[in-house]
Structures are given as C-alpha cells and as structure tokens.
Amino acid sequence: LKEVFTKTDSVEVIQVIPSRGNALS
C-alpha cells in the first residue's frame, strides 16, 4: 500500500508506524 500510494498524486503517506513491541506506543 505504501508503494502504490506513494505513486499516487492524490494520496500522501505521512507516516508508517511499526505495530510490534513499543514502536506504536
């Protein structure tokens, strides 16, 4: 999803957050 959204003019991926461990917190 990040790869395809990044190639799309109408969408901006502002953050990708890992969900494991304390990364999300």
mmCIF file of all heavy atoms, coordinates in Angstrom:
data_MODEL
# 
_entry.id   MODEL 
# 
loop_
_atom_site.group_PDB 
_atom_site.id 
_atom_site.type_symbol 
_atom_site.label_atom_id 
_atom_site.label_alt_id 
_atom_site.label_comp_id 
_atom_site.label_asym_id 
_atom_site.label_entity_id 
_atom_site.label_seq_id 
_atom_site.pdbx_PDB_ins_code 
_atom_site.Cartn_x 
_atom_site.Cartn_y 
_atom_site.Cartn_z 
_atom_site.occupancy 
_atom_site.B_iso_or_equiv 
_atom_site.pdbx_formal_charge 
_atom_site.auth_seq_id 
_atom_site.auth_comp_id 
_atom_site.auth_asym_id 
_atom_site.auth_atom_id 
_atom_site.pdbx_PDB_model_num 
ATOM 1   N N   . LEU A 1 1  ? 0.831  -1.206  0.000   1.00 0.00 ? 1  LEU A N   1 
ATOM 2   C CA  . LEU A 1 1  ? 0.000  0.000   0.000   1.00 0.00 ? 1  LEU A CA  1 
ATOM 3   C C   . LEU A 1 1  ? 0.864  1.254   0.000   1.00 0.00 ? 1  LEU A C   1 
ATOM 4   O O   . LEU A 1 1  ? 0.567  2.215   -0.719  1.00 0.00 ? 1  LEU A O   1 
ATOM 5   C CB  . LEU A 1 1  ? -0.930 0.002   1.212   1.00 0.00 ? 1  LEU A CB  1 
ATOM 6   C CG  . LEU A 1 1  ? -2.111 -0.963  1.162   1.00 0.00 ? 1  LEU A CG  1 
ATOM 7   C CD1 . LEU A 1 1  ? -2.881 -0.945  2.475   1.00 0.00 ? 1  LEU A CD1 1 
ATOM 8   C CD2 . LEU A 1 1  ? -3.053 -0.629  -0.001  1.00 0.00 ? 1  LEU A CD2 1 
ATOM 9   N N   . LYS A 1 2  ? 1.920  1.258   0.787   1.00 0.00 ? 2  LYS A N   1 
ATOM 10  C CA  . LYS A 1 2  ? 2.806  2.422   0.811   1.00 0.00 ? 2  LYS A CA  1 
ATOM 11  C C   . LYS A 1 2  ? 3.394  2.674   -0.574  1.00 0.00 ? 2  LYS A C   1 
ATOM 12  O O   . LYS A 1 2  ? 3.436  3.822   -1.046  1.00 0.00 ? 2  LYS A O   1 
ATOM 13  C CB  . LYS A 1 2  ? 3.943  2.212   1.823   1.00 0.00 ? 2  LYS A CB  1 
ATOM 14  C CG  . LYS A 1 2  ? 4.924  3.390   1.884   1.00 0.00 ? 2  LYS A CG  1 
ATOM 15  C CD  . LYS A 1 2  ? 6.024  3.121   2.896   1.00 0.00 ? 2  LYS A CD  1 
ATOM 16  C CE  . LYS A 1 2  ? 6.958  4.331   3.011   1.00 0.00 ? 2  LYS A CE  1 
ATOM 17  N NZ  . LYS A 1 2  ? 7.708  4.575   1.755   1.00 0.00 ? 2  LYS A NZ  1 
ATOM 18  N N   . GLU A 1 3  ? 3.804  1.611   -1.237  1.00 0.00 ? 3  GLU A N   1 
ATOM 19  C CA  . GLU A 1 3  ? 4.411  1.768   -2.559  1.00 0.00 ? 3  GLU A CA  1 
ATOM 20  C C   . GLU A 1 3  ? 3.426  2.350   -3.565  1.00 0.00 ? 3  GLU A C   1 
ATOM 21  O O   . GLU A 1 3  ? 3.758  3.274   -4.306  1.00 0.00 ? 3  GLU A O   1 
ATOM 22  C CB  . GLU A 1 3  ? 4.927  0.420   -3.057  1.00 0.00 ? 3  GLU A CB  1 
ATOM 23  C CG  . GLU A 1 3  ? 5.614  0.503   -4.412  1.00 0.00 ? 3  GLU A CG  1 
ATOM 24  C CD  . GLU A 1 3  ? 6.200  -0.829  -4.853  1.00 0.00 ? 3  GLU A CD  1 
ATOM 25  O OE1 . GLU A 1 3  ? 6.203  -1.776  -4.045  1.00 0.00 ? 3  GLU A OE1 1 
ATOM 26  O OE2 . GLU A 1 3  ? 6.656  -0.914  -6.007  1.00 0.00 ? 3  GLU A OE2 1 
ATOM 27  N N   . VAL A 1 4  ? 2.197  1.837   -3.575  1.00 0.00 ? 4  VAL A N   1 
ATOM 28  C CA  . VAL A 1 4  ? 1.239  2.316   -4.571  1.00 0.00 ? 4  VAL A CA  1 
ATOM 29  C C   . VAL A 1 4  ? 0.717  3.706   -4.213  1.00 0.00 ? 4  VAL A C   1 
ATOM 30  O O   . VAL A 1 4  ? 0.511  4.540   -5.103  1.00 0.00 ? 4  VAL A O   1 
ATOM 31  C CB  . VAL A 1 4  ? 0.079  1.306   -4.754  1.00 0.00 ? 4  VAL A CB  1 
ATOM 32  C CG1 . VAL A 1 4  ? -0.838 1.263   -3.543  1.00 0.00 ? 4  VAL A CG1 1 
ATOM 33  C CG2 . VAL A 1 4  ? -0.714 1.624   -6.023  1.00 0.00 ? 4  VAL A CG2 1 
ATOM 34  N N   . PHE A 1 5  ? 0.498  3.995   -2.923  1.00 0.00 ? 5  PHE A N   1 
ATOM 35  C CA  . PHE A 1 5  ? 0.038  5.325   -2.525  1.00 0.00 ? 5  PHE A CA  1 
ATOM 36  C C   . PHE A 1 5  ? 1.081  6.383   -2.850  1.00 0.00 ? 5  PHE A C   1 
ATOM 37  O O   . PHE A 1 5  ? 0.747  7.505   -3.245  1.00 0.00 ? 5  PHE A O   1 
ATOM 38  C CB  . PHE A 1 5  ? -0.276 5.358   -1.026  1.00 0.00 ? 5  PHE A CB  1 
ATOM 39  C CG  . PHE A 1 5  ? -1.583 4.721   -0.642  1.00 0.00 ? 5  PHE A CG  1 
ATOM 40  C CD1 . PHE A 1 5  ? -1.710 4.080   0.589   1.00 0.00 ? 5  PHE A CD1 1 
ATOM 41  C CD2 . PHE A 1 5  ? -2.680 4.760   -1.482  1.00 0.00 ? 5  PHE A CD2 1 
ATOM 42  C CE1 . PHE A 1 5  ? -2.916 3.495   0.968   1.00 0.00 ? 5  PHE A CE1 1 
ATOM 43  C CE2 . PHE A 1 5  ? -3.894 4.175   -1.113  1.00 0.00 ? 5  PHE A CE2 1 
ATOM 44  C CZ  . PHE A 1 5  ? -4.004 3.538   0.115   1.00 0.00 ? 5  PHE A CZ  1 
ATOM 45  N N   . THR A 1 6  ? 2.353  6.031   -2.677  1.00 0.00 ? 6  THR A N   1 
ATOM 46  C CA  . THR A 1 6  ? 3.434  6.980   -2.930  1.00 0.00 ? 6  THR A CA  1 
ATOM 47  C C   . THR A 1 6  ? 3.473  7.406   -4.397  1.00 0.00 ? 6  THR A C   1 
ATOM 48  O O   . THR A 1 6  ? 3.892  8.522   -4.726  1.00 0.00 ? 6  THR A O   1 
ATOM 49  C CB  . THR A 1 6  ? 4.790  6.359   -2.523  1.00 0.00 ? 6  THR A CB  1 
ATOM 50  O OG1 . THR A 1 6  ? 4.756  6.015   -1.138  1.00 0.00 ? 6  THR A OG1 1 
ATOM 51  C CG2 . THR A 1 6  ? 5.937  7.320   -2.773  1.00 0.00 ? 6  THR A CG2 1 
ATOM 52  N N   . LYS A 1 7  ? 2.999  6.536   -5.273  1.00 0.00 ? 7  LYS A N   1 
ATOM 53  C CA  . LYS A 1 7  ? 2.983  6.841   -6.709  1.00 0.00 ? 7  LYS A CA  1 
ATOM 54  C C   . LYS A 1 7  ? 1.712  7.559   -7.131  1.00 0.00 ? 7  LYS A C   1 
ATOM 55  O O   . LYS A 1 7  ? 1.522  7.836   -8.312  1.00 0.00 ? 7  LYS A O   1 
ATOM 56  C CB  . LYS A 1 7  ? 3.136  5.549   -7.508  1.00 0.00 ? 7  LYS A CB  1 
ATOM 57  C CG  . LYS A 1 7  ? 4.468  4.831   -7.275  1.00 0.00 ? 7  LYS A CG  1 
ATOM 58  C CD  . LYS A 1 7  ? 4.508  3.519   -8.027  1.00 0.00 ? 7  LYS A CD  1 
ATOM 59  C CE  . LYS A 1 7  ? 5.823  2.788   -7.780  1.00 0.00 ? 7  LYS A CE  1 
ATOM 60  N NZ  . LYS A 1 7  ? 5.860  1.467   -8.457  1.00 0.00 ? 7  LYS A NZ  1 
ATOM 61  N N   . THR A 1 8  ? 0.830  7.848   -6.174  1.00 0.00 ? 8  THR A N   1 
ATOM 62  C CA  . THR A 1 8  ? -0.467 8.450   -6.477  1.00 0.00 ? 8  THR A CA  1 
ATOM 63  C C   . THR A 1 8  ? -0.468 9.924   -6.085  1.00 0.00 ? 8  THR A C   1 
ATOM 64  O O   . THR A 1 8  ? -0.162 10.270  -4.951  1.00 0.00 ? 8  THR A O   1 
ATOM 65  C CB  . THR A 1 8  ? -1.586 7.712   -5.699  1.00 0.00 ? 8  THR A CB  1 
ATOM 66  O OG1 . THR A 1 8  ? -1.535 6.327   -6.016  1.00 0.00 ? 8  THR A OG1 1 
ATOM 67  C CG2 . THR A 1 8  ? -2.946 8.260   -6.061  1.00 0.00 ? 8  THR A CG2 1 
ATOM 68  N N   . ASP A 1 9  ? -0.827 10.786  -7.026  1.00 0.00 ? 9  ASP A N   1 
ATOM 69  C CA  . ASP A 1 9  ? -0.784 12.224  -6.777  1.00 0.00 ? 9  ASP A CA  1 
ATOM 70  C C   . ASP A 1 9  ? -1.778 12.684  -5.717  1.00 0.00 ? 9  ASP A C   1 
ATOM 71  O O   . ASP A 1 9  ? -1.551 13.688  -5.037  1.00 0.00 ? 9  ASP A O   1 
ATOM 72  C CB  . ASP A 1 9  ? -1.063 12.988  -8.083  1.00 0.00 ? 9  ASP A CB  1 
ATOM 73  C CG  . ASP A 1 9  ? 0.050  12.817  -9.101  1.00 0.00 ? 9  ASP A CG  1 
ATOM 74  O OD1 . ASP A 1 9  ? 1.183  12.482  -8.686  1.00 0.00 ? 9  ASP A OD1 1 
ATOM 75  O OD2 . ASP A 1 9  ? -0.219 12.992  -10.305 1.00 0.00 ? 9  ASP A OD2 1 
ATOM 76  N N   . SER A 1 10 ? -2.880 11.958  -5.565  1.00 0.00 ? 10 SER A N   1 
ATOM 77  C CA  . SER A 1 10 ? -3.943 12.413  -4.669  1.00 0.00 ? 10 SER A CA  1 
ATOM 78  C C   . SER A 1 10 ? -3.830 11.858  -3.253  1.00 0.00 ? 10 SER A C   1 
ATOM 79  O O   . SER A 1 10 ? -4.692 12.113  -2.410  1.00 0.00 ? 10 SER A O   1 
ATOM 80  C CB  . SER A 1 10 ? -5.314 12.025  -5.245  1.00 0.00 ? 10 SER A CB  1 
ATOM 81  O OG  . SER A 1 10 ? -5.404 10.621  -5.428  1.00 0.00 ? 10 SER A OG  1 
ATOM 82  N N   . VAL A 1 11 ? -2.767 11.082  -2.981  1.00 0.00 ? 11 VAL A N   1 
ATOM 83  C CA  . VAL A 1 11 ? -2.591 10.479  -1.658  1.00 0.00 ? 11 VAL A CA  1 
ATOM 84  C C   . VAL A 1 11 ? -1.182 10.774  -1.143  1.00 0.00 ? 11 VAL A C   1 
ATOM 85  O O   . VAL A 1 11 ? -0.213 10.693  -1.890  1.00 0.00 ? 11 VAL A O   1 
ATOM 86  C CB  . VAL A 1 11 ? -2.814 8.948   -1.689  1.00 0.00 ? 11 VAL A CB  1 
ATOM 87  C CG1 . VAL A 1 11 ? -2.591 8.339   -0.298  1.00 0.00 ? 11 VAL A CG1 1 
ATOM 88  C CG2 . VAL A 1 11 ? -4.216 8.618   -2.194  1.00 0.00 ? 11 VAL A CG2 1 
ATOM 89  N N   . GLU A 1 12 ? -1.095 11.096  0.140   1.00 0.00 ? 12 GLU A N   1 
ATOM 90  C CA  . GLU A 1 12 ? 0.205  11.298  0.783   1.00 0.00 ? 12 GLU A CA  1 
ATOM 91  C C   . GLU A 1 12 ? 0.296  10.388  2.005   1.00 0.00 ? 12 GLU A C   1 
ATOM 92  O O   . GLU A 1 12 ? -0.552 10.454  2.907   1.00 0.00 ? 12 GLU A O   1 
ATOM 93  C CB  . GLU A 1 12 ? 0.374  12.749  1.227   1.00 0.00 ? 12 GLU A CB  1 
ATOM 94  C CG  . GLU A 1 12 ? 1.707  13.008  1.925   1.00 0.00 ? 12 GLU A CG  1 
ATOM 95  C CD  . GLU A 1 12 ? 1.821  14.404  2.476   1.00 0.00 ? 12 GLU A CD  1 
ATOM 96  O OE1 . GLU A 1 12 ? 0.855  15.185  2.357   1.00 0.00 ? 12 GLU A OE1 1 
ATOM 97  O OE2 . GLU A 1 12 ? 2.889  14.719  3.061   1.00 0.00 ? 12 GLU A OE2 1 
ATOM 98  N N   . VAL A 1 13 ? 1.302  9.538   2.012   1.00 0.00 ? 13 VAL A N   1 
ATOM 99  C CA  . VAL A 1 13 ? 1.573  8.716   3.191   1.00 0.00 ? 13 VAL A CA  1 
ATOM 100 C C   . VAL A 1 13 ? 2.465  9.538   4.109   1.00 0.00 ? 13 VAL A C   1 
ATOM 101 O O   . VAL A 1 13 ? 3.636  9.770   3.809   1.00 0.00 ? 13 VAL A O   1 
ATOM 102 C CB  . VAL A 1 13 ? 2.258  7.387   2.823   1.00 0.00 ? 13 VAL A CB  1 
ATOM 103 C CG1 . VAL A 1 13 ? 2.592  6.595   4.083   1.00 0.00 ? 13 VAL A CG1 1 
ATOM 104 C CG2 . VAL A 1 13 ? 1.360  6.564   1.903   1.00 0.00 ? 13 VAL A CG2 1 
ATOM 105 N N   . ILE A 1 14 ? 1.901  9.977   5.238   1.00 0.00 ? 14 ILE A N   1 
ATOM 106 C CA  . ILE A 1 14 ? 2.672  10.873  6.101   1.00 0.00 ? 14 ILE A CA  1 
ATOM 107 C C   . ILE A 1 14 ? 3.446  10.116  7.173   1.00 0.00 ? 14 ILE A C   1 
ATOM 108 O O   . ILE A 1 14 ? 4.363  10.664  7.777   1.00 0.00 ? 14 ILE A O   1 
ATOM 109 C CB  . ILE A 1 14 ? 1.763  11.931  6.761   1.00 0.00 ? 14 ILE A CB  1 
ATOM 110 C CG1 . ILE A 1 14 ? 0.710  11.271  7.653   1.00 0.00 ? 14 ILE A CG1 1 
ATOM 111 C CG2 . ILE A 1 14 ? 1.119  12.812  5.712   1.00 0.00 ? 14 ILE A CG2 1 
ATOM 112 C CD1 . ILE A 1 14 ? -0.109 12.281  8.441   1.00 0.00 ? 14 ILE A CD1 1 
ATOM 113 N N   . GLN A 1 15 ? 3.093  8.834   7.395   1.00 0.00 ? 15 GLN A N   1 
ATOM 114 C CA  . GLN A 1 15 ? 3.795  8.082   8.420   1.00 0.00 ? 15 GLN A CA  1 
ATOM 115 C C   . GLN A 1 15 ? 3.513  6.589   8.251   1.00 0.00 ? 15 GLN A C   1 
ATOM 116 O O   . GLN A 1 15 ? 2.409  6.189   7.874   1.00 0.00 ? 15 GLN A O   1 
ATOM 117 C CB  . GLN A 1 15 ? 3.324  8.528   9.814   1.00 0.00 ? 15 GLN A CB  1 
ATOM 118 C CG  . GLN A 1 15 ? 4.234  8.127   10.947  1.00 0.00 ? 15 GLN A CG  1 
ATOM 119 C CD  . GLN A 1 15 ? 3.792  8.746   12.268  1.00 0.00 ? 15 GLN A CD  1 
ATOM 120 O OE1 . GLN A 1 15 ? 2.677  9.231   12.391  1.00 0.00 ? 15 GLN A OE1 1 
ATOM 121 N NE2 . GLN A 1 15 ? 4.667  8.726   13.260  1.00 0.00 ? 15 GLN A NE2 1 
ATOM 122 N N   . VAL A 1 16 ? 4.527  5.777   8.516   1.00 0.00 ? 16 VAL A N   1 
ATOM 123 C CA  . VAL A 1 16 ? 4.362  4.324   8.614   1.00 0.00 ? 16 VAL A CA  1 
ATOM 124 C C   . VAL A 1 16 ? 4.862  3.931   9.992   1.00 0.00 ? 16 VAL A C   1 
ATOM 125 O O   . VAL A 1 16 ? 6.026  4.157   10.325  1.00 0.00 ? 16 VAL A O   1 
ATOM 126 C CB  . VAL A 1 16 ? 5.156  3.575   7.524   1.00 0.00 ? 16 VAL A CB  1 
ATOM 127 C CG1 . VAL A 1 16 ? 4.975  2.066   7.699   1.00 0.00 ? 16 VAL A CG1 1 
ATOM 128 C CG2 . VAL A 1 16 ? 4.701  3.997   6.130   1.00 0.00 ? 16 VAL A CG2 1 
ATOM 129 N N   . ILE A 1 17 ? 3.957  3.351   10.795  1.00 0.00 ? 17 ILE A N   1 
ATOM 130 C CA  . ILE A 1 17 ? 4.286  3.042   12.183  1.00 0.00 ? 17 ILE A CA  1 
ATOM 131 C C   . ILE A 1 17 ? 4.344  1.536   12.394  1.00 0.00 ? 17 ILE A C   1 
ATOM 132 O O   . ILE A 1 17 ? 3.349  0.846   12.157  1.00 0.00 ? 17 ILE A O   1 
ATOM 133 C CB  . ILE A 1 17 ? 3.235  3.637   13.145  1.00 0.00 ? 17 ILE A CB  1 
ATOM 134 C CG1 . ILE A 1 17 ? 3.068  5.135   12.901  1.00 0.00 ? 17 ILE A CG1 1 
ATOM 135 C CG2 . ILE A 1 17 ? 3.635  3.376   14.601  1.00 0.00 ? 17 ILE A CG2 1 
ATOM 136 C CD1 . ILE A 1 17 ? 1.981  5.768   13.745  1.00 0.00 ? 17 ILE A CD1 1 
ATOM 137 N N   . PRO A 1 18 ? 5.471  1.001   12.822  1.00 0.00 ? 18 PRO A N   1 
ATOM 138 C CA  . PRO A 1 18 ? 5.518  -0.425  13.170  1.00 0.00 ? 18 PRO A CA  1 
ATOM 139 C C   . PRO A 1 18 ? 4.566  -0.707  14.327  1.00 0.00 ? 18 PRO A C   1 
ATOM 140 O O   . PRO A 1 18 ? 4.388  0.138   15.214  1.00 0.00 ? 18 PRO A O   1 
ATOM 141 C CB  . PRO A 1 18 ? 6.974  -0.649  13.583  1.00 0.00 ? 18 PRO A CB  1 
ATOM 142 C CG  . PRO A 1 18 ? 7.726  0.508   12.997  1.00 0.00 ? 18 PRO A CG  1 
ATOM 143 C CD  . PRO A 1 18 ? 6.771  1.664   13.004  1.00 0.00 ? 18 PRO A CD  1 
ATOM 144 N N   . SER A 1 19 ? 3.973  -1.875  14.332  1.00 0.00 ? 19 SER A N   1 
ATOM 145 C CA  . SER A 1 19 ? 2.991  -2.193  15.372  1.00 0.00 ? 19 SER A CA  1 
ATOM 146 C C   . SER A 1 19 ? 3.562  -3.099  16.453  1.00 0.00 ? 19 SER A C   1 
ATOM 147 O O   . SER A 1 19 ? 2.901  -3.370  17.454  1.00 0.00 ? 19 SER A O   1 
ATOM 148 C CB  . SER A 1 19 ? 1.772  -2.873  14.753  1.00 0.00 ? 19 SER A CB  1 
ATOM 149 O OG  . SER A 1 19 ? 2.135  -4.100  14.137  1.00 0.00 ? 19 SER A OG  1 
ATOM 150 N N   . ARG A 1 20 ? 4.777  -3.580  16.284  1.00 0.00 ? 20 ARG A N   1 
ATOM 151 C CA  . ARG A 1 20 ? 5.331  -4.538  17.235  1.00 0.00 ? 20 ARG A CA  1 
ATOM 152 C C   . ARG A 1 20 ? 6.056  -3.856  18.383  1.00 0.00 ? 20 ARG A C   1 
ATOM 153 O O   . ARG A 1 20 ? 6.569  -2.755  18.244  1.00 0.00 ? 20 ARG A O   1 
ATOM 154 C CB  . ARG A 1 20 ? 6.284  -5.493  16.517  1.00 0.00 ? 20 ARG A CB  1 
ATOM 155 C CG  . ARG A 1 20 ? 5.585  -6.292  15.436  1.00 0.00 ? 20 ARG A CG  1 
ATOM 156 C CD  . ARG A 1 20 ? 6.411  -7.468  14.998  1.00 0.00 ? 20 ARG A CD  1 
ATOM 157 N NE  . ARG A 1 20 ? 5.680  -8.281  14.032  1.00 0.00 ? 20 ARG A NE  1 
ATOM 158 C CZ  . ARG A 1 20 ? 6.005  -9.514  13.712  1.00 0.00 ? 20 ARG A CZ  1 
ATOM 159 N NH1 . ARG A 1 20 ? 7.030  -10.085 14.280  1.00 0.00 ? 20 ARG A NH1 1 
ATOM 160 N NH2 . ARG A 1 20 ? 5.304  -10.181 12.823  1.00 0.00 ? 20 ARG A NH2 1 
ATOM 161 N N   . GLY A 1 21 ? 6.096  -4.547  19.485  1.00 0.00 ? 21 GLY A N   1 
ATOM 162 C CA  . GLY A 1 21 ? 6.799  -4.039  20.652  1.00 0.00 ? 21 GLY A CA  1 
ATOM 163 C C   . GLY A 1 21 ? 6.250  -2.702  21.099  1.00 0.00 ? 21 GLY A C   1 
ATOM 164 O O   . GLY A 1 21 ? 5.044  -2.492  21.149  1.00 0.00 ? 21 GLY A O   1 
ATOM 165 N N   . ASN A 1 22 ? 7.146  -1.777  21.432  1.00 0.00 ? 22 ASN A N   1 
ATOM 166 C CA  . ASN A 1 22 ? 6.732  -0.454  21.887  1.00 0.00 ? 22 ASN A CA  1 
ATOM 167 C C   . ASN A 1 22 ? 6.756  0.579   20.779  1.00 0.00 ? 22 ASN A C   1 
ATOM 168 O O   . ASN A 1 22 ? 6.594  1.771   21.030  1.00 0.00 ? 22 ASN A O   1 
ATOM 169 C CB  . ASN A 1 22 ? 7.657  0.016   23.027  1.00 0.00 ? 22 ASN A CB  1 
ATOM 170 C CG  . ASN A 1 22 ? 7.525  -0.854  24.263  1.00 0.00 ? 22 ASN A CG  1 
ATOM 171 O OD1 . ASN A 1 22 ? 6.421  -1.283  24.599  1.00 0.00 ? 22 ASN A OD1 1 
ATOM 172 N ND2 . ASN A 1 22 ? 8.641  -1.109  24.922  1.00 0.00 ? 22 ASN A ND2 1 
ATOM 173 N N   . ALA A 1 23 ? 6.950  0.111   19.544  1.00 0.00 ? 23 ALA A N   1 
ATOM 174 C CA  . ALA A 1 23 ? 7.103  1.058   18.437  1.00 0.00 ? 23 ALA A CA  1 
ATOM 175 C C   . ALA A 1 23 ? 5.877  1.934   18.267  1.00 0.00 ? 23 ALA A C   1 
ATOM 176 O O   . ALA A 1 23 ? 5.985  3.147   18.056  1.00 0.00 ? 23 ALA A O   1 
ATOM 177 C CB  . ALA A 1 23 ? 7.399  0.295   17.144  1.00 0.00 ? 23 ALA A CB  1 
ATOM 178 N N   . LEU A 1 24 ? 4.688  1.321   18.355  1.00 0.00 ? 24 LEU A N   1 
ATOM 179 C CA  . LEU A 1 24 ? 3.468  2.101   18.173  1.00 0.00 ? 24 LEU A CA  1 
ATOM 180 C C   . LEU A 1 24 ? 3.285  3.082   19.325  1.00 0.00 ? 24 LEU A C   1 
ATOM 181 O O   . LEU A 1 24 ? 2.952  4.244   19.107  1.00 0.00 ? 24 LEU A O   1 
ATOM 182 C CB  . LEU A 1 24 ? 2.266  1.171   18.054  1.00 0.00 ? 24 LEU A CB  1 
ATOM 183 C CG  . LEU A 1 24 ? 0.905  1.850   17.847  1.00 0.00 ? 24 LEU A CG  1 
ATOM 184 C CD1 . LEU A 1 24 ? 0.945  2.757   16.625  1.00 0.00 ? 24 LEU A CD1 1 
ATOM 185 C CD2 . LEU A 1 24 ? -0.199 0.819   17.709  1.00 0.00 ? 24 LEU A CD2 1 
ATOM 186 N N   . SER A 1 25 ? 3.495  2.609   20.525  1.00 0.00 ? 25 SER A N   1 
ATOM 187 C CA  . SER A 1 25 ? 3.340  3.482   21.691  1.00 0.00 ? 25 SER A CA  1 
ATOM 188 C C   . SER A 1 25 ? 4.306  4.660   21.634  1.00 0.00 ? 25 SER A C   1 
ATOM 189 O O   . SER A 1 25 ? 3.957  5.786   22.002  1.00 0.00 ? 25 SER A O   1 
ATOM 190 C CB  . SER A 1 25 ? 3.561  2.684   22.975  1.00 0.00 ? 25 SER A CB  1 
ATOM 191 O OG  . SER A 1 25 ? 2.570  1.688   23.108  1.00 0.00 ? 25 SER A OG  1 
# 
